[in-house]
Amino acid sequence: MTVFVFYCIHDVMKAEKAFKDSGIPIDIIPVPRQVSSDCGMAVSLEEEYKIRAQDILVEHNIEIKGVYKRLSSNEWVIDT
């Protein structure tokens, strides 16, 4: 699983629309505690869509705070 974290909920909502319009299946989830202690929502998607999703975000001028990859139930790493 890949998780995109954004700077504000407005960007999460813009990303959600852009991904859905492009046919990328996503889920909106709370930001995992292991990633950030801030409250907020993030976009979760399958790793196979990561590159395409990043291209869509650039195309729509939506800035990402970070991209993370889940290694285990409680372990996340920054995904570049």
Protein backbone atom coordinates (compact mmCIF):
# COMPACT_ATOMS: atom_id res chain seq x y z
CA MET A 1 0.00 0.00 0.00
CA THR A 2 1.13 3.54 -0.82
CA VAL A 3 -0.11 6.57 1.12
CA PHE A 4 0.01 10.15 -0.09
CA VAL A 5 0.01 12.77 2.67
CA PHE A 6 -0.95 16.34 1.85
CA TYR A 7 -0.63 19.72 3.55
CA CYS A 8 -4.37 20.31 3.93
CA ILE A 9 -7.72 18.58 3.60
CA HIS A 10 -8.50 20.73 0.57
CA ASP A 11 -5.61 19.07 -1.31
CA VAL A 12 -6.83 15.64 -0.22
CA MET A 13 -10.23 16.40 -1.73
CA LYS A 14 -8.69 17.74 -4.97
CA ALA A 15 -6.48 14.64 -5.23
CA GLU A 16 -9.45 12.36 -4.58
CA LYS A 17 -11.38 13.91 -7.45
CA ALA A 18 -8.39 13.85 -9.82
CA PHE A 19 -7.64 10.20 -9.04
CA LYS A 20 -11.26 9.09 -9.38
CA ASP A 21 -11.63 11.02 -12.66
CA SER A 22 -8.55 9.15 -13.90
CA GLY A 23 -9.87 5.75 -12.84
CA ILE A 24 -7.38 5.17 -10.02
CA PRO A 25 -9.02 3.30 -7.13
CA ILE A 26 -8.26 5.03 -3.83
CA ASP A 27 -9.34 5.17 -0.21
CA ILE A 28 -9.33 8.20 2.04
CA ILE A 29 -7.82 7.18 5.38
CA PRO A 30 -6.62 8.87 8.55
CA VAL A 31 -2.90 9.65 8.35
CA PRO A 32 -1.18 6.66 10.01
CA ARG A 33 0.24 7.56 13.44
CA GLN A 34 3.58 6.09 12.44
CA VAL A 35 3.78 8.65 9.62
CA SER A 36 2.62 11.80 11.42
CA SER A 37 1.12 12.73 14.75
CA ASP A 38 -0.91 15.48 13.07
CA CYS A 39 -4.60 14.94 12.63
CA GLY A 40 -5.64 14.62 9.05
CA MET A 41 -6.59 12.47 6.14
CA ALA A 42 -4.47 10.85 3.46
CA VAL A 43 -5.00 9.02 0.18
CA SER A 44 -4.24 5.31 0.08
CA LEU A 45 -3.77 3.37 -3.14
CA GLU A 46 -2.13 0.25 -4.46
CA GLU A 47 1.58 0.63 -5.23
CA GLU A 48 1.04 -0.18 -8.91
CA TYR A 49 -0.71 3.21 -9.32
CA LYS A 50 1.96 5.30 -7.56
CA ILE A 51 3.78 6.71 -10.62
CA ARG A 52 0.56 7.48 -12.46
CA ALA A 53 -0.86 9.13 -9.33
CA GLN A 54 2.24 11.30 -8.94
CA ASP A 55 1.93 12.41 -12.56
CA ILE A 56 -1.72 13.35 -11.99
CA LEU A 57 -0.82 15.39 -8.91
CA VAL A 58 1.81 17.31 -10.89
CA GLU A 59 -0.67 17.85 -13.71
CA HIS A 60 -3.21 19.30 -11.24
CA ASN A 61 -0.64 21.34 -9.26
CA ILE A 62 -1.39 19.47 -6.03
CA GLU A 63 1.58 19.48 -3.66
CA ILE A 64 2.34 16.38 -1.61
CA LYS A 65 3.80 16.47 1.87
CA GLY A 66 5.08 12.91 1.55
CA VAL A 67 4.62 9.49 0.02
CA TYR A 68 4.89 6.46 2.28
CA LYS A 69 5.02 2.72 1.74
CA ARG A 70 3.68 0.21 4.26
CA LEU A 71 6.19 -2.50 5.16
CA SER A 72 4.13 -4.11 7.94
CA SER A 73 1.10 -3.28 10.06
CA ASN A 74 3.07 -0.74 12.11
CA GLU A 75 6.04 0.07 9.88
CA TRP A 76 6.10 2.76 7.20
CA VAL A 77 8.95 4.19 5.15
CA ILE A 78 9.25 7.24 2.93
CA ASP A 79 8.71 6.08 -0.64
CA THR A 80 10.60 8.05 -3.27
